[in-house]
Amino acid sequence: MKLSDVMNAIDPDRIVGYVQSRECPSGGFCFYGLDEPNLADTFFATQTLGLLCNAPLAPERTIAFGRRFFQSPLGEGSLWGIHYGLRVLRFFNQDLPCLSRIKQIILGFFNKRVSAPAGPPPRLSLELLSLVVELIELLECPLEPQLRRAGRHYILRFQNQDGGFGAIRSSLWETSFAVRILKGLDFSLSTLSAREFAVSCEHEDFGFSTVPGSAPAFLEDIYSGLIAFRALGLKARYETAIGRSILEYQTDTYGFTRSPWLGIPTLEYTYMAVKSLTVVNATASWAENGKDSNGRG
């Protein structure tokens, strides 16, 4: 099976139908189909629909749902919601609310996190910090040069001898966040040894694995591998294997699951699948014309 065969087997209209079937009557989206919307599912749904040149059935309700979040008190505990909520509103080209307060929260979190005492890296995922750096770029928050340097030094503490990143051991997932943060902080990635680690995670049967030589691969391994490769200016060698694996992760609902062997389809994994297919085959009609708001990718 060639990559073109995979792309021909993917019906974007059926994926759109799956995503829209998770739209809630009260606005927003919920992956398990009840009228219990949440911002994460709404973010992944709108991003997927945008990539597939489509939109929610009732955009005004989804916009209203996104705005309601910002009517509550905001703090560092709201960072995930702030990220998802702002991305949803930006998708619809809406004015972004509470910007002064949000910038204060974002910069306060960044300063506190990267100013941690020297020593072994804390046992934390870099995912949230990656989203915060995306928001710093999105909102054009002023970041002093010394704070950018502190951020770069903090991230490099997570780099291991194999070139990958991770608090306990290197993984492709954490490495993808690290390289995106470093790129956002104006660090030159051209000589970063993470390139060698990322290449060593390529797998001829699945496309990527989370650590070198491991199997089977999960959808997040393929997604994070492609995103890391794109940031590092690399091209994946096993694009057909990537496409074939992703096709196997699609269920009879036309949503995507974490792997063929476990889990149920979710809006998050469906976004990862569509985004990954867009990266490996940018010539697909929906890949050429679709949009997202830069999301996790």
Protein backbone atom coordinates (compact mmCIF):
# COMPACT_ATOMS: atom_id res chain seq x y z
CA MET A 1 0.00 0.00 0.00
CA LYS A 2 1.37 3.39 -1.03
CA LEU A 3 0.78 6.67 0.79
CA SER A 4 -1.52 7.74 -2.04
CA ASP A 5 -3.61 4.60 -1.41
CA VAL A 6 -3.92 5.56 2.25
CA MET A 7 -5.04 9.05 1.39
CA ASN A 8 -7.58 7.70 -1.08
CA ALA A 9 -8.94 5.42 1.65
CA ILE A 10 -9.49 8.36 4.01
CA ASP A 11 -12.90 9.98 3.54
CA PRO A 12 -12.68 13.48 5.06
CA ASP A 13 -16.47 13.92 4.91
CA ARG A 14 -16.96 10.93 7.22
CA ILE A 15 -14.41 12.33 9.67
CA VAL A 16 -16.28 15.64 9.60
CA GLY A 17 -19.49 13.72 10.29
CA TYR A 18 -17.91 12.02 13.30
CA VAL A 19 -16.65 15.31 14.75
CA GLN A 20 -19.93 17.15 14.16
CA SER A 21 -21.84 14.31 15.80
CA ARG A 22 -20.00 15.21 19.05
CA GLU A 23 -21.24 18.82 18.95
CA CYS A 24 -23.34 19.66 22.01
CA PRO A 25 -26.76 21.35 21.88
CA SER A 26 -25.57 23.85 24.50
CA GLY A 27 -22.42 24.69 22.49
CA GLY A 28 -18.95 23.19 22.38
CA PHE A 29 -18.05 19.52 21.96
CA CYS A 30 -17.88 16.34 24.04
CA PHE A 31 -16.15 13.22 22.71
CA TYR A 32 -18.55 10.79 24.41
CA GLY A 33 -21.60 12.38 22.83
CA LEU A 34 -23.46 13.85 25.83
CA ASP A 35 -24.37 17.49 26.31
CA GLU A 36 -21.36 17.97 28.58
CA PRO A 37 -19.01 20.19 26.56
CA ASN A 38 -15.45 20.89 27.60
CA LEU A 39 -12.83 23.23 26.18
CA ALA A 40 -10.29 20.53 25.32
CA ASP A 41 -12.72 18.59 23.12
CA THR A 42 -13.96 21.86 21.61
CA PHE A 43 -10.40 22.85 20.74
CA PHE A 44 -9.57 19.52 19.10
CA ALA A 45 -12.89 19.44 17.25
CA THR A 46 -12.55 22.93 15.78
CA GLN A 47 -8.94 22.31 14.80
CA THR A 48 -9.90 19.09 13.00
CA LEU A 49 -12.82 20.71 11.23
CA GLY A 50 -10.57 23.56 10.15
CA LEU A 51 -8.01 21.16 8.70
CA LEU A 52 -10.83 19.47 6.78
CA CYS A 53 -12.14 22.78 5.42
CA ASN A 54 -15.26 22.66 7.56
CA ALA A 55 -16.80 24.21 10.68
CA PRO A 56 -19.15 23.41 13.58
CA LEU A 57 -22.83 23.11 12.73
CA ALA A 58 -23.72 25.87 15.20
CA PRO A 59 -20.67 28.15 15.42
CA GLU A 60 -22.45 30.85 17.43
CA ARG A 61 -23.13 28.38 20.25
CA THR A 62 -19.53 27.20 20.25
CA ILE A 63 -18.28 30.80 20.38
CA ALA A 64 -20.61 31.52 23.30
CA PHE A 65 -19.38 28.38 25.08
CA GLY A 66 -15.76 29.48 24.62
CA ARG A 67 -16.50 32.95 25.97
CA ARG A 68 -18.25 31.64 29.10
CA PHE A 69 -14.98 30.23 30.42
CA PHE A 70 -13.46 33.70 30.64
CA GLN A 71 -16.32 34.98 32.79
CA SER A 72 -14.93 32.94 35.73
CA PRO A 73 -11.94 33.94 37.88
CA LEU A 74 -8.67 33.08 36.17
CA GLY A 75 -5.37 31.96 37.66
CA GLU A 76 -2.43 29.61 37.00
CA GLY A 77 -4.76 26.68 37.56
CA SER A 78 -6.70 27.89 34.52
CA LEU A 79 -3.80 27.69 32.06
CA TRP A 80 -5.09 24.65 30.17
CA GLY A 81 -8.51 26.26 29.82
CA ILE A 82 -6.98 29.60 28.84
CA HIS A 83 -5.01 27.92 26.06
CA TYR A 84 -7.94 25.91 24.71
CA GLY A 85 -10.40 28.79 25.09
CA LEU A 86 -8.23 31.35 23.33
CA ARG A 87 -7.50 28.92 20.50
CA VAL A 88 -11.21 28.25 20.02
CA LEU A 89 -12.03 31.96 19.89
CA ARG A 90 -9.11 32.63 17.57
CA PHE A 91 -10.37 29.90 15.23
CA PHE A 92 -13.54 31.96 14.78
CA ASN A 93 -11.56 35.24 14.46
CA GLN A 94 -13.10 36.55 17.67
CA ASP A 95 -11.64 39.27 19.88
CA LEU A 96 -9.71 37.67 22.72
CA PRO A 97 -10.98 38.61 26.22
CA CYS A 98 -9.16 39.50 29.45
CA LEU A 99 -5.84 39.91 27.69
CA SER A 100 -4.16 42.01 30.37
CA ARG A 101 -4.98 39.47 33.09
CA ILE A 102 -4.11 36.50 30.86
CA LYS A 103 -0.71 37.94 29.93
CA GLN A 104 0.00 38.49 33.64
CA ILE A 105 -0.85 34.86 34.41
CA ILE A 106 1.18 33.49 31.51
CA LEU A 107 4.31 35.53 32.21
CA GLY A 108 4.06 34.84 35.94
CA PHE A 109 3.90 31.09 35.33
CA PHE A 110 6.77 31.18 32.83
CA ASN A 111 8.99 33.21 35.14
CA LYS A 112 8.29 30.96 38.11
CA ARG A 113 8.85 27.76 36.15
CA VAL A 114 12.12 28.70 34.43
CA SER A 115 13.53 30.30 37.59
CA ALA A 116 13.50 26.96 39.43
CA PRO A 117 16.71 26.20 41.40
CA ALA A 118 19.55 24.52 39.54
CA GLY A 119 19.93 20.75 39.83
CA PRO A 120 18.21 17.72 38.36
CA PRO A 121 15.13 18.64 36.32
CA PRO A 122 11.82 18.43 38.16
CA ARG A 123 9.66 15.42 37.32
CA LEU A 124 7.28 17.43 35.19
CA SER A 125 6.02 17.09 31.66
CA LEU A 126 6.99 19.92 29.33
CA GLU A 127 3.57 19.93 27.68
CA LEU A 128 2.03 22.75 29.71
CA LEU A 129 5.12 24.93 29.34
CA SER A 130 4.98 24.30 25.58
CA LEU A 131 1.41 25.58 25.47
CA VAL A 132 2.39 28.62 27.55
CA VAL A 133 5.19 29.48 25.12
CA GLU A 134 2.70 29.17 22.26
CA LEU A 135 0.46 31.66 24.06
CA ILE A 136 3.39 34.03 24.64
CA GLU A 137 3.91 34.02 20.87
CA LEU A 138 0.21 34.24 20.05
CA LEU A 139 -0.42 37.19 22.37
CA GLU A 140 2.94 38.81 21.65
CA CYS A 141 3.75 38.98 25.34
CA PRO A 142 6.93 40.97 26.06
CA LEU A 143 9.64 38.53 27.15
CA GLU A 144 12.90 40.08 28.30
CA PRO A 145 16.11 38.62 26.78
CA GLN A 146 17.32 37.36 30.16
CA LEU A 147 14.03 35.53 30.66
CA ARG A 148 14.34 33.92 27.23
CA ARG A 149 17.85 32.77 28.16
CA ALA A 150 16.59 31.42 31.48
CA GLY A 151 13.89 29.53 29.59
CA ARG A 152 16.41 27.98 27.22
CA HIS A 153 18.69 26.94 30.09
CA TYR A 154 15.74 25.44 31.95
CA ILE A 155 14.68 23.30 28.98
CA LEU A 156 18.23 22.11 28.31
CA ARG A 157 18.29 20.68 31.85
CA PHE A 158 15.83 18.08 30.59
CA GLN A 159 18.16 16.87 27.84
CA ASN A 160 19.71 13.46 28.40
CA GLN A 161 22.90 11.86 27.11
CA ASP A 162 21.07 10.28 24.17
CA GLY A 163 20.10 13.77 22.95
CA GLY A 164 16.42 13.37 23.73
CA PHE A 165 14.45 15.15 26.44
CA GLY A 166 12.56 13.91 29.47
CA ALA A 167 12.64 14.27 33.25
CA ILE A 168 13.15 10.56 33.90
CA ARG A 169 14.19 9.27 30.50
CA SER A 170 14.01 10.57 26.97
CA SER A 171 10.85 10.11 24.93
CA LEU A 172 9.75 11.39 21.56
CA TRP A 173 6.67 12.95 23.21
CA GLU A 174 8.71 15.11 25.62
CA THR A 175 11.35 15.82 22.98
CA SER A 176 8.68 17.25 20.66
CA PHE A 177 7.63 19.71 23.38
CA ALA A 178 11.23 20.62 24.18
CA VAL A 179 12.20 21.48 20.60
CA ARG A 180 9.06 23.56 20.11
CA ILE A 181 9.76 25.51 23.31
CA LEU A 182 13.38 26.09 22.32
CA LYS A 183 12.32 27.23 18.86
CA GLY A 184 9.81 29.62 20.41
CA LEU A 185 12.58 31.01 22.61
CA ASP A 186 14.85 31.71 19.61
CA PHE A 187 17.23 28.82 20.22
CA SER A 188 19.02 27.55 17.10
CA LEU A 189 18.00 23.92 16.59
CA SER A 190 20.46 23.22 13.77
CA THR A 191 23.12 21.69 16.03
CA LEU A 192 20.83 20.27 18.72
CA SER A 193 21.60 16.58 19.35
CA ALA A 194 17.87 15.96 19.72
CA ARG A 195 17.94 15.52 15.93
CA GLU A 196 19.84 12.25 16.33
CA PHE A 197 17.48 11.05 19.05
CA ALA A 198 14.40 11.87 16.95
CA VAL A 199 15.81 10.05 13.93
CA SER A 200 16.61 7.02 16.11
CA CYS A 201 12.89 6.86 17.03
CA GLU A 202 11.86 6.24 13.43
CA HIS A 203 10.35 2.78 12.94
CA GLU A 204 9.97 1.10 9.56
CA ASP A 205 6.71 -0.62 10.52
CA PHE A 206 4.92 2.21 12.33
CA GLY A 207 6.73 5.37 11.30
CA PHE A 208 7.80 6.29 14.83
CA SER A 209 8.09 4.80 18.30
CA THR A 210 8.27 6.68 21.58
CA VAL A 211 11.81 5.43 22.29
CA PRO A 212 14.25 3.83 19.86
CA GLY A 213 13.36 0.26 18.93
CA SER A 214 10.12 0.01 20.88
CA ALA A 215 6.86 -1.36 19.45
CA PRO A 216 3.99 -1.10 18.89
CA ALA A 217 3.50 2.60 18.29
CA PHE A 218 0.64 4.72 19.61
CA LEU A 219 -0.92 7.57 17.68
CA GLU A 220 0.73 10.17 19.91
CA ASP A 221 4.15 8.70 18.98
CA ILE A 222 3.48 9.27 15.28
CA TYR A 223 2.06 12.74 15.91
CA SER A 224 4.88 13.89 18.20
CA GLY A 225 7.49 12.45 15.83
CA LEU A 226 6.13 14.40 12.89
CA ILE A 227 5.83 17.61 14.91
CA ALA A 228 9.39 17.23 16.24
CA PHE A 229 10.71 16.49 12.74
CA ARG A 230 8.98 19.55 11.35
CA ALA A 231 10.48 21.80 14.05
CA LEU A 232 13.93 20.29 13.44
CA GLY A 233 13.69 20.60 9.66
CA LEU A 234 13.75 16.83 9.10
CA LYS A 235 11.74 14.66 6.73
CA ALA A 236 10.30 11.33 7.89
CA ARG A 237 11.63 8.28 6.04
CA TYR A 238 8.65 5.98 6.55
CA GLU A 239 5.70 8.07 5.42
CA THR A 240 3.82 5.10 3.95
CA ALA A 241 4.13 3.23 7.26
CA ILE A 242 2.82 6.34 9.04
CA GLY A 243 -0.20 6.55 6.76
CA ARG A 244 -0.91 2.83 7.02
CA SER A 245 -0.70 2.91 10.82
CA ILE A 246 -3.03 5.91 11.07
CA LEU A 247 -5.55 4.21 8.79
CA GLU A 248 -5.55 1.21 11.13
CA TYR A 249 -6.38 3.51 14.06
CA GLN A 250 -9.63 4.64 12.45
CA THR A 251 -12.77 2.97 13.84
CA ASP A 252 -16.18 2.29 12.34
CA THR A 253 -17.32 5.66 13.77
CA TYR A 254 -14.70 7.28 11.48
CA GLY A 255 -13.02 8.79 14.51
CA PHE A 256 -9.54 7.69 15.56
CA THR A 257 -8.31 5.89 18.64
CA ARG A 258 -4.95 5.64 20.33
CA SER A 259 -4.15 2.29 18.73
CA PRO A 260 -6.01 -0.58 17.03
CA TRP A 261 -5.68 -2.64 20.21
CA LEU A 262 -7.07 -0.39 22.93
CA GLY A 263 -9.09 2.72 23.67
CA ILE A 264 -12.07 4.38 22.07
CA PRO A 265 -12.13 7.14 19.46
CA THR A 266 -11.73 10.63 20.86
CA LEU A 267 -11.62 14.11 19.40
CA GLU A 268 -8.02 14.50 20.56
CA TYR A 269 -6.78 11.39 18.75
CA THR A 270 -8.84 12.30 15.70
CA TYR A 271 -7.09 15.68 15.60
CA MET A 272 -3.69 13.97 15.95
CA ALA A 273 -4.53 11.63 13.07
CA VAL A 274 -5.76 14.36 10.71
CA LYS A 275 -2.88 16.70 11.59
CA SER A 276 -0.36 13.90 11.03
CA LEU A 277 -1.84 13.02 7.65
CA THR A 278 -1.74 16.71 6.74
CA VAL A 279 1.97 16.88 7.60
CA VAL A 280 2.96 13.76 5.63
CA ASN A 281 0.80 14.57 2.63
CA ALA A 282 0.38 18.31 2.24
CA THR A 283 -0.80 17.83 -1.34
CA ALA A 284 -4.14 16.31 -0.28
CA SER A 285 -6.97 18.66 -1.25
CA TRP A 286 -8.09 19.16 2.32
CA ALA A 287 -4.48 19.50 3.48
CA GLU A 288 -3.86 22.28 0.97
CA ASN A 289 -6.92 24.31 1.87
CA GLY A 290 -7.52 23.49 5.52
CA LYS A 291 -6.51 25.59 8.49
CA ASP A 292 -5.90 25.31 12.17
CA SER A 293 -4.65 27.84 14.69
CA ASN A 294 -1.29 26.13 15.10
CA GLY A 295 -2.72 24.11 18.00
CA ARG A 296 -0.25 21.63 19.37
CA GLY A 297 1.43 21.43 16.01
